[in-house]
Amino acid sequence: MINAADIVVTMGCGDACPVIDGHRYLDRPVPDPDGAPLVVVRRVRDDIDAHITDLLNSLPPTA
C-alpha cells in the first residue's frame, strides 16, 4: 500500500516504520488513548482530524 502513496502519515512510530525512498513521510506522534478518559480520547481524535484536514488542504488540486 505504501508503494501507491505519495505521502505516508505515521503516528509516532519513528524509526520502527519502514521507509521507502521516493515517498514523503510525516510523523505525527499521538498519545496512546488506551485506558484514557473519554475527554482525552476525544482530544486525540480531534487532533488527528485537524492534522489530516490541514494536510488535505495543503495538497494541490487534482485534475
PDB file of N, CA and C in Angstrom:
ATOM      1  N   MET A   1       0.820  -1.181   0.000  1.00  0.00           N
ATOM      2  CA  MET A   1       0.000   0.000   0.000  1.00  0.00           C
ATOM      3  C   MET A   1       0.873   1.258   0.000  1.00  0.00           C
ATOM      4  N   ILE A   2       1.997   1.211   0.687  1.00  0.00           N
ATOM      5  CA  ILE A   2       2.875   2.382   0.741  1.00  0.00           C
ATOM      6  C   ILE A   2       3.388   2.729  -0.658  1.00  0.00           C
ATOM      7  N   ASN A   3       3.631   1.731  -1.480  1.00  0.00           N
ATOM      8  CA  ASN A   3       4.145   1.999  -2.825  1.00  0.00           C
ATOM      9  C   ASN A   3       3.187   2.857  -3.647  1.00  0.00           C
ATOM     10  N   ALA A   4       1.892   2.795  -3.363  1.00  0.00           N
ATOM     11  CA  ALA A   4       0.906   3.564  -4.117  1.00  0.00           C
ATOM     12  C   ALA A   4       0.712   4.966  -3.546  1.00  0.00           C
ATOM     13  N   ALA A   5       1.340   5.266  -2.419  1.00  0.00           N
ATOM     14  CA  ALA A   5       1.123   6.543  -1.741  1.00  0.00           C
ATOM     15  C   ALA A   5       2.153   7.582  -2.149  1.00  0.00           C
ATOM     16  N   ASP A   6       1.724   8.832  -2.169  1.00  0.00           N
ATOM     17  CA  ASP A   6       2.649   9.947  -2.348  1.00  0.00           C
ATOM     18  C   ASP A   6       3.135  10.444  -0.994  1.00  0.00           C
ATOM     19  N   ILE A   7       2.238  10.405  -0.016  1.00  0.00           N
ATOM     20  CA  ILE A   7       2.549  10.860   1.344  1.00  0.00           C
ATOM     21  C   ILE A   7       2.140   9.755   2.304  1.00  0.00           C
ATOM     22  N   VAL A   8       3.039   9.446   3.232  1.00  0.00           N
ATOM     23  CA  VAL A   8       2.766   8.440   4.258  1.00  0.00           C
ATOM     24  C   VAL A   8       2.740   9.156   5.600  1.00  0.00           C
ATOM     25  N   VAL A   9       1.619   9.041   6.303  1.00  0.00           N
ATOM     26  CA  VAL A   9       1.490   9.658   7.621  1.00  0.00           C
ATOM     27  C   VAL A   9       1.604   8.549   8.662  1.00  0.00           C
ATOM     28  N   THR A  10       2.585   8.685   9.541  1.00  0.00           N
ATOM     29  CA  THR A  10       2.742   7.728  10.630  1.00  0.00           C
ATOM     30  C   THR A  10       2.349   8.418  11.933  1.00  0.00           C
ATOM     31  N   MET A  11       2.047   7.624  12.915  1.00  0.00           N
ATOM     32  CA  MET A  11       1.558   8.177  14.180  1.00  0.00           C
ATOM     33  C   MET A  11       2.489   7.809  15.327  1.00  0.00           C
ATOM     34  N   GLY A  12       3.726   8.296  15.202  1.00  0.00           N
ATOM     35  CA  GLY A  12       4.664   8.146  16.297  1.00  0.00           C
ATOM     36  C   GLY A  12       5.537   6.912  16.251  1.00  0.00           C
ATOM     37  N   CYS A  13       5.576   6.212  15.127  1.00  0.00           N
ATOM     38  CA  CYS A  13       6.399   5.000  15.093  1.00  0.00           C
ATOM     39  C   CYS A  13       7.862   5.302  14.806  1.00  0.00           C
ATOM     40  N   GLY A  14       8.154   6.516  14.347  1.00  0.00           N
ATOM     41  CA  GLY A  14       9.542   6.923  14.131  1.00  0.00           C
ATOM     42  C   GLY A  14      10.312   5.950  13.283  1.00  0.00           C
ATOM     43  N   ASP A  15      11.457   5.487  13.776  1.00  0.00           N
ATOM     44  CA  ASP A  15      12.335   4.591  13.022  1.00  0.00           C
ATOM     45  C   ASP A  15      11.798   3.169  12.914  1.00  0.00           C
ATOM     46  N   ALA A  16      10.761   2.833  13.676  1.00  0.00           N
ATOM     47  CA  ALA A  16      10.215   1.476  13.640  1.00  0.00           C
ATOM     48  C   ALA A  16       9.408   1.217  12.373  1.00  0.00           C
ATOM     49  N   CYS A  17       8.940   2.265  11.707  1.00  0.00           N
ATOM     50  CA  CYS A  17       8.159   2.112  10.481  1.00  0.00           C
ATOM     51  C   CYS A  17       9.098   1.975   9.289  1.00  0.00           C
ATOM     52  N   PRO A  18       8.722   1.144   8.329  1.00  0.00           N
ATOM     53  CA  PRO A  18       9.557   1.014   7.135  1.00  0.00           C
ATOM     54  C   PRO A  18       9.527   2.307   6.325  1.00  0.00           C
ATOM     55  N   VAL A  19      10.655   2.646   5.741  1.00  0.00           N
ATOM     56  CA  VAL A  19      10.753   3.843   4.906  1.00  0.00           C
ATOM     57  C   VAL A  19      11.143   3.407   3.506  1.00  0.00           C
ATOM     58  N   ILE A  20      10.364   3.838   2.541  1.00  0.00           N
ATOM     59  CA  ILE A  20      10.628   3.510   1.143  1.00  0.00           C
ATOM     60  C   ILE A  20      10.985   4.804   0.432  1.00  0.00           C
ATOM     61  N   ASP A  21      12.137   4.818  -0.222  1.00  0.00           N
ATOM     62  CA  ASP A  21      12.584   6.019  -0.937  1.00  0.00           C
ATOM     63  C   ASP A  21      11.532   6.482  -1.937  1.00  0.00           C
ATOM     64  N   GLY A  22      11.475   7.789  -2.120  1.00  0.00           N
ATOM     65  CA  GLY A  22      10.568   8.361  -3.095  1.00  0.00           C
ATOM     66  C   GLY A  22       9.222   8.758  -2.542  1.00  0.00           C
ATOM     67  N   HIS A  23       9.052   8.613  -1.233  1.00  0.00           N
ATOM     68  CA  HIS A  23       7.786   8.977  -0.604  1.00  0.00           C
ATOM     69  C   HIS A  23       8.025  10.056   0.445  1.00  0.00           C
ATOM     70  N   ARG A  24       7.057  10.899   0.612  1.00  0.00           N
ATOM     71  CA  ARG A  24       7.119  11.934   1.647  1.00  0.00           C
ATOM     72  C   ARG A  24       6.515  11.345   2.917  1.00  0.00           C
ATOM     73  N   TYR A  25       7.241  11.444   4.017  1.00  0.00           N
ATOM     74  CA  TYR A  25       6.782  10.909   5.287  1.00  0.00           C
ATOM     75  C   TYR A  25       6.505  12.043   6.257  1.00  0.00           C
ATOM     76  N   LEU A  26       5.388  11.952   6.941  1.00  0.00           N
ATOM     77  CA  LEU A  26       5.035  12.883   8.008  1.00  0.00           C
ATOM     78  C   LEU A  26       4.759  12.059   9.253  1.00  0.00           C
ATOM     79  N   ASP A  27       5.520  12.293  10.291  1.00  0.00           N
ATOM     80  CA  ASP A  27       5.312  11.569  11.542  1.00  0.00           C
ATOM     81  C   ASP A  27       4.562  12.484  12.500  1.00  0.00           C
ATOM     82  N   ARG A  28       3.420  12.050  12.935  1.00  0.00           N
ATOM     83  CA  ARG A  28       2.593  12.794  13.881  1.00  0.00           C
ATOM     84  C   ARG A  28       2.433  11.956  15.142  1.00  0.00           C
ATOM     85  N   PRO A  29       3.344  12.133  16.103  1.00  0.00           N
ATOM     86  CA  PRO A  29       3.214  11.361  17.340  1.00  0.00           C
ATOM     87  C   PRO A  29       1.856  11.601  17.998  1.00  0.00           C
ATOM     88  N   VAL A  30       1.241  10.517  18.409  1.00  0.00           N
ATOM     89  CA  VAL A  30      -0.082  10.564  19.031  1.00  0.00           C
ATOM     90  C   VAL A  30      -0.004   9.804  20.347  1.00  0.00           C
ATOM     91  N   PRO A  31      -0.504  10.413  21.421  1.00  0.00           N
ATOM     92  CA  PRO A  31      -0.515   9.671  22.691  1.00  0.00           C
ATOM     93  C   PRO A  31      -1.445   8.461  22.600  1.00  0.00           C
ATOM     94  N   ASP A  32      -1.062   7.389  23.253  1.00  0.00           N
ATOM     95  CA  ASP A  32      -1.877   6.173  23.254  1.00  0.00           C
ATOM     96  C   ASP A  32      -3.132   6.430  24.082  1.00  0.00           C
ATOM     97  N   PRO A  33      -4.314   6.361  23.470  1.00  0.00           N
ATOM     98  CA  PRO A  33      -5.537   6.639  24.214  1.00  0.00           C
ATOM     99  C   PRO A  33      -6.058   5.451  25.026  1.00  0.00           C
ATOM    100  N   ASP A  34      -5.375   4.303  24.938  1.00  0.00           N
ATOM    101  CA  ASP A  34      -5.838   3.103  25.645  1.00  0.00           C
ATOM    102  C   ASP A  34      -5.958   3.375  27.136  1.00  0.00           C
ATOM    103  N   GLY A  35      -7.161   3.237  27.652  1.00  0.00           N
ATOM    104  CA  GLY A  35      -7.413   3.413  29.075  1.00  0.00           C
ATOM    105  C   GLY A  35      -7.580   4.859  29.512  1.00  0.00           C
ATOM    106  N   ALA A  36      -7.444   5.791  28.564  1.00  0.00           N
ATOM    107  CA  ALA A  36      -7.566   7.211  28.906  1.00  0.00           C
ATOM    108  C   ALA A  36      -9.040   7.582  29.056  1.00  0.00           C
ATOM    109  N   PRO A  37      -9.308   8.633  29.828  1.00  0.00           N
ATOM    110  CA  PRO A  37     -10.692   9.102  29.954  1.00  0.00           C
ATOM    111  C   PRO A  37     -11.224   9.545  28.583  1.00  0.00           C
ATOM    112  N   LEU A  38     -12.529   9.496  28.430  1.00  0.00           N
ATOM    113  CA  LEU A  38     -13.163   9.827  27.164  1.00  0.00           C
ATOM    114  C   LEU A  38     -12.781  11.217  26.666  1.00  0.00           C
ATOM    115  N   VAL A  39     -12.636  12.165  27.549  1.00  0.00           N
ATOM    116  CA  VAL A  39     -12.276  13.523  27.133  1.00  0.00           C
ATOM    117  C   VAL A  39     -10.891  13.540  26.466  1.00  0.00           C
ATOM    118  N   VAL A  40      -9.976  12.722  26.948  1.00  0.00           N
ATOM    119  CA  VAL A  40      -8.634  12.630  26.361  1.00  0.00           C
ATOM    120  C   VAL A  40      -8.703  11.939  25.005  1.00  0.00           C
ATOM    121  N   VAL A  41      -9.477  10.872  24.909  1.00  0.00           N
ATOM    122  CA  VAL A  41      -9.627  10.150  23.641  1.00  0.00           C
ATOM    123  C   VAL A  41     -10.221  11.075  22.581  1.00  0.00           C
ATOM    124  N   ARG A  42     -11.207  11.855  22.962  1.00  0.00           N
ATOM    125  CA  ARG A  42     -11.810  12.798  22.011  1.00  0.00           C
ATOM    126  C   ARG A  42     -10.809  13.862  21.579  1.00  0.00           C
ATOM    127  N   ARG A  43      -9.955  14.303  22.487  1.00  0.00           N
ATOM    128  CA  ARG A  43      -8.929  15.294  22.139  1.00  0.00           C
ATOM    129  C   ARG A  43      -7.939  14.700  21.139  1.00  0.00           C
ATOM    130  N   VAL A  44      -7.534  13.450  21.351  1.00  0.00           N
ATOM    131  CA  VAL A  44      -6.633  12.764  20.424  1.00  0.00           C
ATOM    132  C   VAL A  44      -7.306  12.645  19.055  1.00  0.00           C
ATOM    133  N   ARG A  45      -8.563  12.232  19.042  1.00  0.00           N
ATOM    134  CA  ARG A  45      -9.314  12.105  17.787  1.00  0.00           C
ATOM    135  C   ARG A  45      -9.382  13.441  17.050  1.00  0.00           C
ATOM    136  N   ASP A  46      -9.698  14.494  17.777  1.00  0.00           N
ATOM    137  CA  ASP A  46      -9.820  15.813  17.167  1.00  0.00           C
ATOM    138  C   ASP A  46      -8.479  16.321  16.643  1.00  0.00           C
ATOM    139  N   ASP A  47      -7.396  15.995  17.342  1.00  0.00           N
ATOM    140  CA  ASP A  47      -6.066  16.396  16.896  1.00  0.00           C
ATOM    141  C   ASP A  47      -5.695  15.686  15.594  1.00  0.00           C
ATOM    142  N   ILE A  48      -5.996  14.396  15.517  1.00  0.00           N
ATOM    143  CA  ILE A  48      -5.732  13.639  14.283  1.00  0.00           C
ATOM    144  C   ILE A  48      -6.560  14.233  13.148  1.00  0.00           C
ATOM    145  N   ASP A  49      -7.819  14.509  13.398  1.00  0.00           N
ATOM    146  CA  ASP A  49      -8.693  15.088  12.381  1.00  0.00           C
ATOM    147  C   ASP A  49      -8.145  16.428  11.890  1.00  0.00           C
ATOM    148  N   ALA A  50      -7.680  17.267  12.795  1.00  0.00           N
ATOM    149  CA  ALA A  50      -7.145  18.581  12.420  1.00  0.00           C
ATOM    150  C   ALA A  50      -5.884  18.435  11.559  1.00  0.00           C
ATOM    151  N   HIS A  51      -4.998  17.511  11.930  1.00  0.00           N
ATOM    152  CA  HIS A  51      -3.772  17.301  11.144  1.00  0.00           C
ATOM    153  C   HIS A  51      -4.099  16.804   9.736  1.00  0.00           C
ATOM    154  N   ILE A  52      -5.024  15.869   9.629  1.00  0.00           N
ATOM    155  CA  ILE A  52      -5.388  15.334   8.317  1.00  0.00           C
ATOM    156  C   ILE A  52      -6.079  16.400   7.473  1.00  0.00           C
ATOM    157  N   THR A  53      -6.958  17.182   8.095  1.00  0.00           N
ATOM    158  CA  THR A  53      -7.630  18.264   7.371  1.00  0.00           C
ATOM    159  C   THR A  53      -6.616  19.269   6.856  1.00  0.00           C
ATOM    160  N   ASP A  54      -5.642  19.643   7.695  1.00  0.00           N
ATOM    161  CA  ASP A  54      -4.587  20.572   7.259  1.00  0.00           C
ATOM    162  C   ASP A  54      -3.788  19.989   6.101  1.00  0.00           C
ATOM    163  N   LEU A  55      -3.461  18.702   6.194  1.00  0.00           N
ATOM    164  CA  LEU A  55      -2.706  18.057   5.118  1.00  0.00           C
ATOM    165  C   LEU A  55      -3.504  18.074   3.819  1.00  0.00           C
ATOM    166  N   LEU A  56      -4.773  17.690   3.888  1.00  0.00           N
ATOM    167  CA  LEU A  56      -5.600  17.673   2.682  1.00  0.00           C
ATOM    168  C   LEU A  56      -5.735  19.064   2.070  1.00  0.00           C
ATOM    169  N   ASN A  57      -5.881  20.074   2.901  1.00  0.00           N
ATOM    170  CA  ASN A  57      -5.992  21.436   2.413  1.00  0.00           C
ATOM    171  C   ASN A  57      -4.696  21.959   1.793  1.00  0.00           C
ATOM    172  N   SER A  58      -3.577  21.361   2.172  1.00  0.00           N
ATOM    173  CA  SER A  58      -2.279  21.812   1.642  1.00  0.00           C
ATOM    174  C   SER A  58      -1.925  21.154   0.304  1.00  0.00           C
ATOM    175  N   LEU A  59      -2.660  20.132  -0.083  1.00  0.00           N
ATOM    176  CA  LEU A  59      -2.363  19.417  -1.324  1.00  0.00           C
ATOM    177  C   LEU A  59      -2.869  20.200  -2.528  1.00  0.00           C
ATOM    178  N   PRO A  60      -2.135  20.124  -3.618  1.00  0.00           N
ATOM    179  CA  PRO A  60      -2.613  20.795  -4.835  1.00  0.00           C
ATOM    180  C   PRO A  60      -3.849  20.079  -5.378  1.00  0.00           C
ATOM    181  N   PRO A  61      -4.723  20.825  -6.047  1.00  0.00           N
ATOM    182  CA  PRO A  61      -5.923  20.173  -6.623  1.00  0.00           C
ATOM    183  C   PRO A  61      -5.523  19.158  -7.687  1.00  0.00           C
ATOM    184  N   THR A  62      -6.311  18.128  -7.828  1.00  0.00           N
ATOM    185  CA  THR A  62      -6.040  17.119  -8.853  1.00  0.00           C
ATOM    186  C   THR A  62      -6.985  17.331 -10.025  1.00  0.00           C
ATOM    187  N   ALA A  63      -6.553  16.877 -11.153  1.00  0.00           N
ATOM    188  CA  ALA A  63      -7.364  17.051 -12.369  1.00  0.00           C
ATOM    189  C   ALA A  63      -8.339  15.910 -12.509  1.00  0.00           C
TER     190      ALA A  63
END
